[in-house]
Protein backbone atom coordinates (compact mmCIF):
# COMPACT_ATOMS: atom_id res chain seq x y z
CA MET A 1 0.60 24.20 -11.25
CA MET A 2 3.87 23.07 -12.83
CA LEU A 3 7.46 21.87 -12.39
CA ARG A 4 9.62 24.79 -11.27
CA ARG A 5 13.06 23.33 -10.70
CA LEU A 6 15.00 20.10 -11.08
CA SER A 7 18.34 19.47 -9.34
CA LEU A 8 20.58 16.45 -9.92
CA LYS A 9 23.82 15.35 -8.33
CA ASP A 10 25.86 12.31 -9.41
CA PHE A 11 22.95 10.92 -11.42
CA VAL A 12 23.97 8.49 -14.21
CA ILE A 13 26.37 10.72 -16.20
CA VAL A 14 25.35 14.06 -14.66
CA PRO A 15 27.77 15.35 -11.97
CA THR A 16 25.66 18.38 -10.96
CA LEU A 17 22.74 20.13 -12.58
CA GLU A 18 20.15 22.73 -11.63
CA LEU A 19 17.47 23.79 -14.08
CA ASP A 20 14.52 26.11 -13.71
CA PHE A 21 11.45 25.52 -15.85
CA ALA A 22 8.68 27.84 -16.97
CA ALA A 23 5.11 27.58 -18.19
CA GLY A 24 4.32 26.68 -21.78
CA PHE A 25 5.96 24.19 -24.13
CA SER A 26 9.62 23.25 -23.53
CA ALA A 27 11.60 21.08 -25.95
CA LEU A 28 14.60 18.96 -25.01
CA THR A 29 16.86 18.13 -27.93
CA GLY A 30 20.35 16.78 -28.54
CA GLU A 31 22.34 14.22 -30.43
CA THR A 32 21.49 10.55 -30.26
CA GLY A 33 22.98 9.10 -27.07
CA ALA A 34 23.43 12.49 -25.40
CA GLY A 35 21.08 11.46 -22.61
CA LYS A 36 17.94 13.43 -23.50
CA SER A 37 15.77 11.12 -21.41
CA ILE A 38 17.93 11.45 -18.30
CA LEU A 39 15.80 14.33 -17.02
CA ILE A 40 12.64 12.27 -17.55
CA ASP A 41 14.19 9.32 -15.69
CA ALA A 42 15.19 11.63 -12.83
CA LEU A 43 11.69 13.06 -12.55
CA GLN A 44 10.22 9.57 -12.46
CA LEU A 45 12.59 8.62 -9.63
CA ALA A 46 11.66 11.77 -7.72
CA LEU A 47 8.06 10.66 -8.02
CA GLY A 48 8.49 7.11 -6.78
CA SER A 49 9.67 4.90 -9.64
CA ARG A 50 11.95 2.00 -8.77
CA GLY A 51 15.51 3.07 -7.95
CA GLU A 52 18.62 0.98 -8.55
CA ALA A 53 22.29 1.35 -7.80
CA ALA A 54 22.94 1.75 -11.53
CA VAL A 55 21.64 5.35 -11.43
CA VAL A 56 24.57 6.40 -9.21
CA ARG A 57 27.33 8.00 -11.27
CA GLU A 58 30.45 5.86 -11.46
CA GLY A 59 32.79 6.67 -8.57
CA ALA A 60 30.09 8.46 -6.49
CA THR A 61 28.56 7.19 -3.26
CA ARG A 62 24.99 8.26 -3.99
CA ALA A 63 22.71 10.00 -6.46
CA GLU A 64 20.47 12.88 -5.39
CA ILE A 65 17.38 14.18 -7.21
CA SER A 66 15.27 17.15 -6.10
CA ALA A 67 12.16 18.36 -7.91
CA GLU A 68 10.22 21.47 -6.94
CA PHE A 69 6.62 21.89 -8.08
CA ASP A 70 3.83 24.36 -7.54
CA ARG A 71 1.75 22.91 -4.72
CA PRO A 72 -1.64 21.72 -6.03
CA ALA A 73 -4.51 23.04 -3.91
CA ALA A 74 -6.07 19.56 -4.03
CA LEU A 75 -3.11 18.20 -2.05
CA ALA A 76 -3.30 20.66 0.86
CA HIS A 77 -5.35 18.32 3.07
CA TRP A 78 -3.25 15.28 2.12
CA LEU A 79 -0.01 17.09 2.95
CA GLU A 80 -1.37 18.28 6.29
CA GLU A 81 -2.66 14.83 7.25
CA ALA A 82 0.67 13.21 6.29
CA GLY A 83 2.68 15.79 8.25
CA PHE A 84 4.32 17.46 5.23
CA GLU A 85 2.54 20.82 5.39
CA SER A 86 5.40 22.79 6.94
CA SER A 87 8.14 20.34 7.77
CA ALA A 88 11.05 22.18 6.16
CA GLU A 89 12.65 25.61 6.04
CA HIS A 90 12.18 25.55 2.29
CA HIS A 91 8.45 25.17 2.69
CA ALA A 92 8.30 27.89 5.31
CA ASP A 93 9.99 30.27 2.87
CA HIS A 94 7.94 29.09 -0.12
CA PRO A 95 4.47 28.04 1.10
CA ASP A 96 3.15 27.57 -2.45
CA THR A 97 5.76 25.01 -3.50
CA LEU A 98 6.18 21.28 -3.07
CA LEU A 99 9.73 19.95 -2.75
CA LEU A 100 10.44 16.27 -3.43
CA ARG A 101 13.85 14.75 -2.79
CA ARG A 102 15.18 11.25 -3.45
CA VAL A 103 18.57 9.78 -2.58
CA ILE A 104 19.82 6.41 -3.86
CA ASP A 105 23.15 5.05 -2.64
CA ALA A 106 25.64 2.80 -4.39
CA GLN A 107 24.04 -0.26 -2.75
CA GLY A 108 20.65 0.61 -4.24
CA LYS A 109 19.12 1.74 -0.93
CA SER A 110 16.69 4.61 -1.29
CA ARG A 111 15.43 7.42 0.93
CA ALA A 112 12.83 10.07 0.17
CA TRP A 113 11.59 13.38 1.56
CA ILE A 114 8.57 15.59 0.96
CA ASN A 115 9.02 19.22 2.02
CA GLY A 116 11.95 18.04 4.13
CA GLY A 117 10.00 15.36 5.99
CA ALA A 118 10.92 11.69 5.59
CA ALA A 119 8.52 9.99 3.17
CA THR A 120 7.86 6.58 1.62
CA VAL A 121 8.15 5.73 -2.05
CA ALA A 122 4.42 4.94 -2.00
CA GLN A 123 3.72 8.51 -0.90
CA LEU A 124 5.81 9.85 -3.78
CA ARG A 125 3.80 7.72 -6.20
CA GLU A 126 0.60 9.06 -4.73
CA LEU A 127 1.76 12.59 -5.45
CA ALA A 128 2.82 11.69 -9.00
CA GLU A 129 -0.80 11.37 -10.13
CA HIS A 130 -1.33 15.06 -9.33
CA LEU A 131 1.94 16.37 -10.75
CA LEU A 132 3.13 14.54 -13.88
CA ASP A 133 1.62 12.72 -16.84
CA ILE A 134 4.29 10.93 -18.91
CA HIS A 135 3.80 9.56 -22.41
CA GLY A 136 6.73 7.45 -23.60
CA GLN A 137 8.03 6.77 -27.08
CA HIS A 138 6.58 3.25 -27.01
CA ALA A 139 3.13 4.38 -25.91
CA TRP A 140 1.61 2.74 -29.01
CA GLN A 141 2.48 -0.72 -27.65
CA GLY A 142 -0.11 -0.35 -24.92
CA LEU A 143 -2.81 0.46 -27.47
CA THR A 144 -3.01 -3.24 -28.41
CA ARG A 145 -3.30 -4.52 -24.83
CA PRO A 146 -6.89 -4.79 -23.53
CA ALA A 147 -5.94 -3.79 -19.98
CA SER A 148 -4.13 -0.64 -21.17
CA VAL A 149 -6.99 0.28 -23.50
CA ARG A 150 -9.54 -0.12 -20.74
CA GLU A 151 -7.48 1.90 -18.28
CA LEU A 152 -7.07 4.70 -20.81
CA LEU A 153 -10.83 4.78 -21.47
CA ASP A 154 -11.60 4.73 -17.73
CA SER A 155 -9.16 7.58 -17.17
CA PHE A 156 -10.77 9.58 -19.99
CA ALA A 157 -14.22 8.89 -18.46
CA GLN A 158 -12.90 9.70 -14.97
CA ILE A 159 -14.06 6.31 -13.68
CA ASP A 160 -12.86 5.08 -10.31
CA ALA A 161 -12.76 1.31 -10.87
CA ARG A 162 -11.69 0.43 -7.33
CA PRO A 163 -15.23 -0.17 -5.97
CA LEU A 164 -15.90 -2.45 -8.96
CA ALA A 165 -12.72 -4.45 -8.32
CA ALA A 166 -13.63 -4.75 -4.63
CA ALA A 167 -17.14 -5.97 -5.49
CA HIS A 168 -15.69 -8.54 -7.89
CA ALA A 169 -13.24 -9.75 -5.23
CA ALA A 170 -16.12 -10.18 -2.75
CA TRP A 171 -18.15 -12.14 -5.32
CA ARG A 172 -15.17 -14.32 -6.19
CA GLN A 173 -14.46 -15.03 -2.52
CA ALA A 174 -18.10 -16.01 -1.94
CA SER A 175 -18.06 -18.22 -5.06
CA GLU A 176 -14.86 -19.96 -3.97
CA ALA A 177 -16.28 -20.59 -0.48
CA LEU A 178 -19.41 -22.13 -2.00
CA ALA A 179 -17.43 -24.25 -4.49
CA ALA A 180 -15.10 -25.48 -1.75
CA ALA A 181 -18.04 -26.42 0.46
CA GLN A 182 -19.75 -28.26 -2.39
CA SER A 183 -16.63 -30.23 -3.36
CA LYS A 184 -15.80 -31.15 0.20
CA GLN A 185 -19.21 -32.12 1.47
CA ALA A 186 -18.20 -35.74 2.20
CA ASP A 187 -15.01 -34.70 4.00
CA LEU A 188 -16.82 -31.99 5.92
CA ALA A 189 -19.56 -34.43 6.95
CA ARG A 190 -16.97 -36.91 8.28
CA GLU A 191 -15.16 -34.16 10.15
CA HIS A 192 -18.46 -32.91 11.54
CA GLU A 193 -19.34 -36.40 12.76
CA ARG A 194 -15.92 -36.86 14.39
CA LEU A 195 -16.07 -33.54 16.23
CA SER A 196 -19.67 -34.14 17.33
CA TRP A 197 -18.76 -37.55 18.81
CA GLN A 198 -15.72 -36.14 20.65
CA ILE A 199 -17.69 -33.20 22.00
CA ALA A 200 -20.48 -35.54 23.16
CA GLU A 201 -17.90 -37.66 25.01
CA ILE A 202 -16.52 -34.64 26.83
CA ASN A 203 -20.06 -33.40 27.43
CA ARG A 204 -20.68 -36.55 29.47
CA LEU A 205 -17.76 -35.63 31.70
CA ALA A 206 -18.77 -31.93 31.67
CA PRO A 207 -15.44 -30.67 33.02
CA ALA A 208 -15.63 -27.25 34.64
CA ALA A 209 -12.83 -24.76 34.12
CA ASP A 210 -11.21 -25.03 37.59
CA GLU A 211 -12.63 -28.40 38.59
CA TRP A 212 -9.46 -30.48 38.13
CA ASP A 213 -7.56 -28.59 40.84
CA GLU A 214 -10.57 -28.61 43.14
CA LEU A 215 -11.07 -32.37 42.73
CA ASN A 216 -7.44 -33.07 43.53
CA ALA A 217 -7.55 -30.88 46.64
CA GLU A 218 -10.70 -32.58 47.97
CA HIS A 219 -9.39 -36.08 47.15
CA SER A 220 -6.15 -35.36 48.98
CA ARG A 221 -8.08 -34.25 52.07
CA LEU A 222 -10.46 -37.24 52.16
CA SER A 223 -7.78 -39.83 51.42
CA HIS A 224 -5.83 -38.58 54.46
CA ALA A 225 -8.87 -37.94 56.68
CA GLN A 226 -7.85 -40.42 59.43
CA SER A 227 -4.37 -38.93 59.68
CA LEU A 228 -5.84 -35.44 59.81
CA MET A 229 -8.26 -36.41 62.59
CA ASP A 230 -5.54 -38.18 64.64
CA ALA A 231 -3.21 -35.20 64.35
CA THR A 232 -5.99 -32.75 65.25
CA ARG A 233 -7.02 -34.79 68.30
CA GLY A 234 -3.39 -35.06 69.49
CA ALA A 235 -2.89 -31.34 69.12
CA LEU A 236 -6.11 -30.57 71.03
CA GLU A 237 -5.06 -32.84 73.93
CA ARG A 238 -1.68 -31.11 74.24
CA ILE A 239 -3.29 -27.68 74.15
CA ALA A 240 -6.32 -28.21 76.40
CA ASP A 241 -7.50 -31.78 77.16
CA ALA A 242 -4.52 -33.63 78.63
CA GLU A 243 -3.87 -33.65 82.38
CA ILE A 244 -0.80 -31.54 81.75
CA ASN A 245 -1.57 -29.20 78.84
CA ALA A 246 -0.30 -25.94 77.43
CA GLN A 247 -3.19 -23.82 78.66
CA ALA A 248 -2.83 -25.12 82.26
CA LEU A 249 0.92 -24.51 82.24
CA ILE A 250 0.46 -20.90 81.00
CA ASP A 251 -2.17 -20.35 83.68
CA GLU A 252 0.32 -21.50 86.35
CA ALA A 253 3.03 -19.23 84.90
CA LEU A 254 0.69 -16.23 84.96
CA SER A 255 -0.36 -16.98 88.51
CA ALA A 256 3.28 -17.10 89.67
CA LEU A 257 4.11 -13.80 87.98
CA HIS A 258 1.04 -12.00 89.28
CA ASP A 259 2.26 -12.68 92.86
CA VAL A 260 5.49 -10.75 92.24
CA LEU A 261 4.46 -8.22 89.59
CA ALA A 262 3.98 -5.50 92.20
CA TYR A 263 7.69 -5.70 93.07
CA ASP A 264 8.98 -5.16 89.50
CA ALA A 265 6.94 -3.49 86.74
CA GLY A 266 9.49 -4.74 84.19
CA LEU A 267 7.72 -8.12 84.21
CA GLN A 268 4.57 -6.55 82.75
CA ASP A 269 5.66 -7.15 79.14
CA THR A 270 6.21 -10.83 79.86
CA VAL A 271 2.80 -11.08 81.52
CA ASN A 272 1.22 -9.44 78.47
CA ALA A 273 2.95 -11.90 76.12
CA LEU A 274 1.77 -14.87 78.15
CA GLN A 275 -1.78 -13.51 78.19
CA GLY A 276 -1.64 -13.17 74.36
CA ALA A 277 -0.39 -16.74 74.05
CA GLN A 278 -3.17 -17.85 76.37
CA ALA A 279 -5.79 -16.23 74.10
CA GLN A 280 -4.24 -17.76 70.97
CA LEU A 281 -4.20 -21.22 72.55
CA GLN A 282 -7.86 -20.85 73.45
CA ASP A 283 -8.64 -19.90 69.78
CA ALA A 284 -6.60 -22.83 68.50
CA ALA A 285 -8.34 -25.25 70.87
CA HIS A 286 -11.71 -23.95 69.67
CA SER A 287 -10.76 -24.35 66.00
CA LEU A 288 -9.38 -27.86 66.51
CA SER A 289 -12.51 -28.91 68.39
CA ALA A 290 -14.74 -27.57 65.59
CA TYR A 291 -12.61 -29.35 62.94
CA LEU A 292 -12.99 -32.67 64.82
CA HIS A 293 -16.74 -32.28 65.07
CA ALA A 294 -17.00 -31.58 61.30
CA ALA A 295 -14.46 -34.17 60.18
CA ASP A 296 -15.81 -37.28 58.45
CA LEU A 297 -14.03 -40.16 56.77
CA ASP A 298 -16.87 -40.29 54.11
CA PRO A 299 -15.63 -43.31 52.10
CA GLU A 300 -18.53 -42.96 49.63
CA ARG A 301 -17.45 -39.40 48.64
CA LEU A 302 -13.85 -40.57 48.35
CA GLN A 303 -14.94 -43.32 45.97
CA GLN A 304 -16.87 -40.78 43.88
CA LEU A 305 -13.77 -38.60 43.65
CA ASP A 306 -11.64 -41.59 42.64
CA GLU A 307 -14.06 -42.45 39.84
CA ARG A 308 -14.29 -38.85 38.52
CA LEU A 309 -10.53 -38.31 38.61
CA SER A 310 -10.06 -41.60 36.80
CA ALA A 311 -12.54 -40.49 34.10
CA TRP A 312 -10.61 -37.21 33.65
CA VAL A 313 -7.29 -39.04 33.30
CA THR A 314 -8.68 -41.66 30.88
CA LEU A 315 -10.22 -39.01 28.59
CA ALA A 316 -7.06 -36.89 28.69
CA ARG A 317 -4.88 -39.86 27.73
CA ARG A 318 -7.20 -40.72 24.85
CA TYR A 319 -6.75 -37.29 23.30
CA ARG A 320 -3.12 -36.95 24.40
CA ARG A 321 -3.68 -33.89 26.51
CA GLN A 322 -3.06 -32.99 30.14
CA PRO A 323 -6.19 -33.44 32.29
CA VAL A 324 -6.17 -29.76 33.20
CA ASP A 325 -6.45 -28.91 29.44
CA LEU A 326 -9.75 -30.77 28.88
CA PRO A 327 -12.08 -27.76 29.43
CA ALA A 328 -10.10 -25.63 26.90
CA LEU A 329 -10.06 -28.54 24.41
CA HIS A 330 -13.83 -28.81 24.81
CA GLN A 331 -14.32 -25.14 23.87
CA GLU A 332 -11.86 -25.44 20.95
CA TRP A 333 -13.79 -28.32 19.43
CA LYS A 334 -17.07 -26.46 19.86
CA ALA A 335 -15.63 -23.51 17.92
CA GLU A 336 -14.40 -25.82 15.14
CA LEU A 337 -17.82 -27.46 14.94
CA ALA A 338 -19.46 -24.03 14.61
CA GLN A 339 -17.13 -23.23 11.70
CA LEU A 340 -17.99 -26.52 10.05
CA ASP A 341 -21.67 -25.81 10.48
CA ALA A 342 -21.14 -22.48 8.69
CA ALA A 343 -19.10 -24.15 5.95
CA THR A 344 -21.70 -26.81 5.33
CA ASP A 345 -24.52 -24.27 5.23
CA LEU A 346 -24.90 -24.43 1.46
CA ASP A 347 -28.08 -22.38 1.50
CA GLY A 348 -26.33 -19.61 3.41
CA LEU A 349 -23.27 -19.72 1.15
CA GLN A 350 -25.45 -19.61 -1.97
CA ALA A 351 -27.31 -16.61 -0.58
CA LYS A 352 -24.01 -14.81 0.10
CA GLN A 353 -22.79 -15.54 -3.41
CA ALA A 354 -26.03 -14.28 -4.95
CA ALA A 355 -25.88 -11.07 -2.88
CA ALA A 356 -22.24 -10.50 -3.86
CA LEU A 357 -23.05 -11.06 -7.54
CA LYS A 358 -25.94 -8.61 -7.35
CA ALA A 359 -23.67 -5.97 -5.78
CA PHE A 360 -21.04 -6.55 -8.45
CA GLN A 361 -23.58 -6.33 -11.28
CA LYS A 362 -24.91 -3.06 -9.90
CA GLU A 363 -21.41 -1.56 -9.80
CA ALA A 364 -20.52 -3.03 -13.19
CA LYS A 365 -23.60 -1.48 -14.82
CA LEU A 366 -22.66 1.95 -13.51
CA VAL A 367 -19.12 1.59 -14.86
CA GLY A 368 -20.41 0.14 -18.14
CA ALA A 369 -22.77 3.08 -18.63
CA ALA A 370 -19.94 5.55 -18.01
CA ARG A 371 -17.73 3.70 -20.52
CA ALA A 372 -20.50 3.61 -23.12
CA LYS A 373 -20.93 7.37 -22.75
CA ALA A 374 -17.20 8.13 -22.90
CA ALA A 375 -16.30 5.81 -25.82
CA PRO A 376 -17.93 7.93 -28.60
CA ALA A 377 -16.44 11.12 -27.13
CA LEU A 378 -12.93 9.63 -27.09
CA SER A 379 -13.44 8.17 -30.57
CA GLY A 380 -14.49 11.52 -32.01
CA ALA A 381 -11.70 13.48 -30.33
CA VAL A 382 -8.96 11.08 -31.50
CA SER A 383 -10.45 10.91 -35.01
CA GLN A 384 -10.32 14.70 -35.18
CA ALA A 385 -6.68 14.74 -34.05
CA MET A 386 -5.82 12.10 -36.68
CA GLN A 387 -6.95 14.47 -39.43
CA GLN A 388 -4.25 16.91 -38.34
CA LEU A 389 -1.58 14.20 -38.22
CA GLY A 390 -1.56 13.18 -41.87
CA MET A 391 -4.37 10.61 -41.63
CA SER A 392 -7.06 12.51 -43.50
CA GLY A 393 -10.32 10.57 -43.62
CA GLY A 394 -9.06 8.21 -40.92
CA ARG A 395 -11.45 7.10 -38.23
CA PHE A 396 -10.84 5.91 -34.69
CA GLU A 397 -13.33 3.90 -32.63
CA VAL A 398 -13.46 2.55 -29.11
CA ALA A 399 -15.30 -0.79 -29.19
CA LEU A 400 -16.81 -2.23 -26.02
CA LEU A 401 -16.91 -6.05 -26.07
CA PRO A 402 -19.25 -7.90 -23.66
CA GLN A 403 -17.67 -10.51 -21.41
CA ASP A 404 -19.24 -13.92 -20.79
CA GLU A 405 -18.14 -14.03 -17.17
CA PRO A 406 -17.83 -11.30 -14.53
CA GLN A 407 -14.34 -9.84 -14.55
CA SER A 408 -12.53 -7.63 -12.05
CA PHE A 409 -12.81 -4.79 -14.59
CA GLY A 410 -16.53 -5.26 -15.25
CA LEU A 411 -18.77 -6.83 -17.87
CA GLU A 412 -17.02 -5.48 -20.96
CA SER A 413 -13.51 -5.11 -22.34
CA ALA A 414 -12.36 -2.34 -24.65
CA GLU A 415 -10.52 -2.42 -27.96
CA PHE A 416 -9.24 0.32 -30.25
CA LEU A 417 -10.28 0.09 -33.89
CA VAL A 418 -8.92 2.26 -36.66
CA ALA A 419 -9.57 2.97 -40.34
CA GLY A 420 -6.47 4.54 -41.89
CA HIS A 421 -8.37 6.30 -44.68
CA ALA A 422 -11.87 7.24 -45.76
CA GLY A 423 -14.14 4.42 -46.87
CA SER A 424 -12.37 1.63 -44.99
CA THR A 425 -13.92 -0.31 -42.14
CA PRO A 426 -12.31 0.19 -38.72
CA ARG A 427 -10.39 -2.91 -37.66
CA PRO A 428 -8.25 -3.78 -34.60
CA LEU A 429 -5.44 -1.28 -34.44
CA ALA A 430 -2.55 -3.76 -34.40
CA LYS A 431 -3.79 -5.46 -37.61
CA VAL A 432 -4.16 -2.43 -39.85
CA ALA A 433 -1.75 0.26 -38.67
CA SER A 434 1.85 0.58 -39.77
CA GLY A 435 4.63 1.62 -37.40
CA GLY A 436 4.39 5.25 -38.42
CA GLU A 437 0.62 5.25 -38.17
CA LEU A 438 0.80 3.65 -34.73
CA SER A 439 3.07 6.45 -33.53
CA ARG A 440 0.73 9.11 -34.90
CA ILE A 441 -2.35 7.44 -33.42
CA ALA A 442 -0.57 7.13 -30.06
CA LEU A 443 0.29 10.82 -30.30
CA ALA A 444 -3.31 11.70 -31.16
CA ILE A 445 -4.54 9.74 -28.16
CA ALA A 446 -1.91 11.21 -25.85
CA VAL A 447 -2.69 14.78 -26.88
CA THR A 448 -6.45 14.19 -26.69
CA THR A 449 -6.46 12.52 -23.29
CA SER A 450 -3.92 14.97 -21.86
CA GLN A 451 -5.97 17.94 -23.06
CA ARG A 452 -9.27 16.70 -21.77
CA ASN A 453 -8.59 14.60 -18.74
CA SER A 454 -5.16 14.94 -17.17
CA GLY A 455 -5.25 16.16 -13.60
CA ALA A 456 -1.49 16.72 -13.70
CA GLY A 457 -0.04 20.17 -14.24
CA THR A 458 3.00 18.94 -16.20
CA LEU A 459 2.75 16.75 -19.31
CA ILE A 460 5.85 14.99 -20.60
CA PHE A 461 6.24 13.49 -24.09
CA ASP A 462 9.35 11.33 -24.37
CA GLU A 463 10.09 10.94 -28.10
CA ILE A 464 6.47 10.09 -28.77
CA ASP A 465 6.85 11.75 -32.19
CA ALA A 466 9.13 8.95 -33.43
CA GLY A 467 8.21 7.89 -36.96
CA VAL A 468 6.68 11.27 -37.78
CA GLY A 469 8.09 13.79 -40.25
CA GLY A 470 7.36 16.44 -42.84
CA ALA A 471 4.15 18.44 -42.62
CA VAL A 472 2.87 16.12 -39.91
CA ALA A 473 5.83 17.08 -37.74
CA GLU A 474 4.81 20.74 -38.02
CA THR A 475 1.31 19.79 -36.91
CA VAL A 476 2.75 17.92 -33.93
CA GLY A 477 4.71 21.02 -32.96
CA ARG A 478 1.60 23.21 -33.18
CA LEU A 479 -0.38 20.70 -31.11
CA MET A 480 2.30 20.72 -28.42
CA LYS A 481 2.36 24.52 -28.45
CA GLN A 482 -1.45 24.70 -28.14
CA LEU A 483 -1.34 22.18 -25.32
CA GLY A 484 1.28 24.34 -23.62
CA GLN A 485 -1.25 27.17 -23.34
CA ARG A 486 -3.25 25.01 -20.91
CA ALA A 487 -0.52 23.04 -19.13
CA GLN A 488 3.23 22.88 -18.81
CA VAL A 489 4.55 20.60 -21.57
CA LEU A 490 8.04 19.04 -21.73
CA ALA A 491 8.90 17.09 -24.90
CA VAL A 492 12.01 15.12 -25.72
CA THR A 493 12.09 15.31 -29.53
CA HIS A 494 14.34 14.71 -32.53
CA LEU A 495 12.14 16.74 -34.90
CA PRO A 496 13.27 20.30 -35.72
CA GLN A 497 9.69 21.21 -36.64
CA VAL A 498 8.57 20.33 -33.12
CA ALA A 499 11.51 21.98 -31.37
CA ALA A 500 10.97 25.19 -33.37
CA CYS A 501 7.44 25.48 -31.97
CA ALA A 502 8.63 25.32 -28.37
CA ASP A 503 8.36 28.32 -26.10
CA HIS A 504 11.59 27.23 -24.37
CA HIS A 505 14.43 25.06 -25.63
CA PHE A 506 16.92 22.91 -23.67
CA LEU A 507 19.98 21.40 -25.29
CA VAL A 508 21.32 18.10 -23.98
CA ALA A 509 24.91 17.26 -24.85
CA LYS A 510 27.61 14.96 -23.57
CA ALA A 511 31.35 15.48 -23.39
CA LEU A 512 34.42 13.55 -22.25
CA LYS A 513 36.17 15.08 -19.26
CA ASP A 514 38.95 13.47 -17.19
CA GLY A 515 38.26 10.18 -18.93
CA LYS A 516 34.57 10.20 -17.98
CA THR A 517 31.49 10.94 -20.05
CA ASN A 518 29.38 13.74 -18.57
CA SER A 519 26.01 15.02 -19.69
CA ASP A 520 25.26 18.74 -19.89
CA VAL A 521 21.78 20.32 -20.08
CA ARG A 522 21.34 24.02 -20.67
CA PRO A 523 18.64 26.37 -21.91
CA ILE A 524 19.39 27.91 -25.29
CA ALA A 525 18.00 30.88 -27.19
CA GLY A 526 19.01 33.22 -30.03
CA GLU A 527 21.82 32.01 -32.26
CA ALA A 528 22.51 28.95 -30.12
CA ARG A 529 18.94 27.78 -30.63
CA THR A 530 19.12 28.56 -34.36
CA ALA A 531 22.28 26.45 -34.60
CA GLU A 532 20.62 23.52 -32.81
CA ILE A 533 17.56 23.63 -35.10
CA ALA A 534 19.94 23.78 -38.09
CA ARG A 535 21.84 20.74 -36.75
CA MET A 536 18.56 18.85 -36.41
CA LEU A 537 17.73 19.79 -40.00
CA GLY A 538 21.03 19.01 -41.70
CA GLY A 539 23.46 17.24 -39.40
CA GLU A 540 26.63 18.37 -37.66
CA ARG A 541 28.07 20.46 -40.53
CA LEU A 542 26.07 23.67 -40.43
CA SER A 543 25.54 25.46 -43.72
CA SER A 544 24.13 28.84 -44.57
CA THR A 545 21.16 27.04 -46.07
CA SER A 546 20.37 25.03 -42.92
CA LEU A 547 20.83 28.10 -40.73
CA ALA A 548 18.53 30.13 -42.94
CA HIS A 549 15.97 27.34 -42.87
CA ALA A 550 16.22 27.17 -39.08
CA ARG A 551 15.67 30.94 -38.75
CA GLU A 552 12.67 30.72 -41.03
CA MET A 553 11.15 27.91 -38.99
CA LEU A 554 11.65 29.81 -35.74
CA ASP A 555 10.20 33.01 -37.23
CA LEU A 556 7.14 31.19 -38.54
CA SER A 557 6.62 29.53 -35.16
CA ALA A 558 6.94 32.85 -33.32
CA ARG A 559 4.32 34.44 -35.58
CA ALA A 560 1.97 31.45 -35.36
CA ALA A 561 1.18 31.78 -31.65
CA PRO A 562 1.87 34.29 -28.88
CA GLN A 563 4.57 33.61 -26.29
CA PRO A 564 3.41 32.76 -22.75
CA ALA A 565 3.72 35.41 -20.10
CA ASP A 566 6.77 33.71 -18.57
CA THR A 567 9.58 34.53 -20.97
CA GLY A 568 11.66 31.40 -20.64
CA PRO A 569 13.63 28.95 -18.58
CA ARG A 570 16.19 30.19 -16.15
CA GLY A 571 19.19 27.88 -16.34
CA LYS A 572 21.43 27.72 -13.30
CA LYS A 573 24.79 26.10 -12.84
CA VAL A 574 25.59 23.18 -15.10
CA LYS A 575 28.88 21.57 -14.16
CA PRO A 576 29.80 18.60 -16.31
C-alpha cells in the first residue's frame, strides 16, 4: 500500500509534472528555495487540506493535483458505500488503485473527485488517515503542548477517544442543566405559578377544539329564530296550506294535460316534469312542516350562548389572541408547564448528572488504563531511538498527570520528560532540551510511532532532520532506510548522509523561463545523483574531493542494506 503517482498542473510554480514513486525510502533534495516541499503541499491538498487561490500558478485559471495510491483493503467497504468503488474508467482499468483528484480555481473554489466520482473535502480527509502520515520540520513544537502529547500517546496506544469525549459532553450537559435549574429556581417558580394560573383560568372555560364555530352557528340560528319560523310558515302556506297554493295549481295543470295527452304523445315529457315538481313540492312541504314543529325560540338557551361567547371573547382579549386560537393556546401553555416541571425536578436532574458522571468515569478508566500501559512502551522505544541519535545515556519518559476535574480527554493529561544524558533526572522537555536535541527527539518519536503504529502506507518526513549533522545524520539515514523496508518513506532533506541512504532520489530545482520561475522535479541516479550528493556536501562548486566523498557515501549505503525489489522511481514528463 503506497503512493504510486503524483500529477500536478499549474500548481504554485510547477507548470506540469508527473512522477511515479516506488516502494522503499525516497529522498527529495535541492537548493534552498527550490520548492522541495511543493510535492508535500500538493499531496496534502489532494488529501483534503485547505485550498486557497494562492496555489494557482500565476497566469493560470486553476491548479490540478492528482494522486494515485494502492487501494487499502480496509477501505473497500467505505468506497463501495460512498459510491466510489467503480465510478471511473481509470478504476475499471486498475481495480487495485485509488485515484484522488483536486482542482482549485483562481477564485479559491475547490472541487474534488475519488476514482472519478465527485467527492467532498471531508471525504478526502477521511481517506488521508489510511494513506499518509506526515511529520513536519516543526514537529518538535507539538511535543510541548499537552493536547498534542496526549493525542500522540493515544495514537500509539490505538485509543479511540471519541466515546470518552461523548461521555464527557453528556456529563457536562447534565451538569449545566442542573446548575441552570438551581440558579433559576426563583424565576422558574414564578413562571410556573403564572402558567398554572393562566391554565386554570382557561380550564374554567374548557374550550373545545371546534367549539367556537359551533357556538357561533347555534347563536346565529337562535337569535333569528322568529324570522326563520315566519319565513318557514309563509313558504309552507304558498306550497300547500293557502287557498291557492303551488301544489293545487300543479294538480290542476296535470289534470288539464291528462285530458289531451292521448291526442299528442309529445306532451308526455311536460307531464313527467310536472309530476316530478309535484313530488318535490310534497317533500318540501313535509320538511317545512317538520321544521315548524321542532322550532323553538328558547330564550334561555340563547342567553346561555350569549354568556359563553362573551366569556370566550373576554379571555381572548386578555391574552391578545383570536377567540378561535384559545384551545391551541391552552395546549401550548400545558406543554410549557410540563417543561418547567422537568426543569424544576432537581432530584431528577441530579440523578441524570450522577448517571452521566458514572458513565464518563467508566470510559475514562478504560482510556486511562490503556494510556498507563502504553506510556512505558513509548518511553522505552523513544529512549532506545535516542541512543542512536547522538543522545547516549538519554532517557525519555511519558508522564501521566491526574486531573482534578473531569476533562473531555479523561482524568489525566500527558507530558514528555527527557534526560539528555545518563545520571540526570528527566524534566519537562521544553525546559531541558536545546533546539538540536528537540529535533532529534522529535525524529526519534516520529520514527518510533511511525514504525509501530501508523496505519498509513506512506510516511513523509518534511525536513524533520533539521539541526542534525555528522554521525547522527548517518544514523538518521539508516533509520529512514530501515523504515523503508516496512513502509514507503518520502523525506525532504538537506543532509547528504540521509539522501545517500535513500533507495530512490528526486532532485528539485527551479529555473527562470520566459520571465517566470518554474520548479522542476526529476528522479536522478548514477553520476547525476553523485553530483547532487557532492553539492550537498560542499556547495555549488564541485571538486574531485567532494565527488569522491559522495561516491564513497553512496557505496557505503549500498553495501549497508539491500535494495528493495522495485528498482526505482519512474519519472515521466517534467515540463518547466
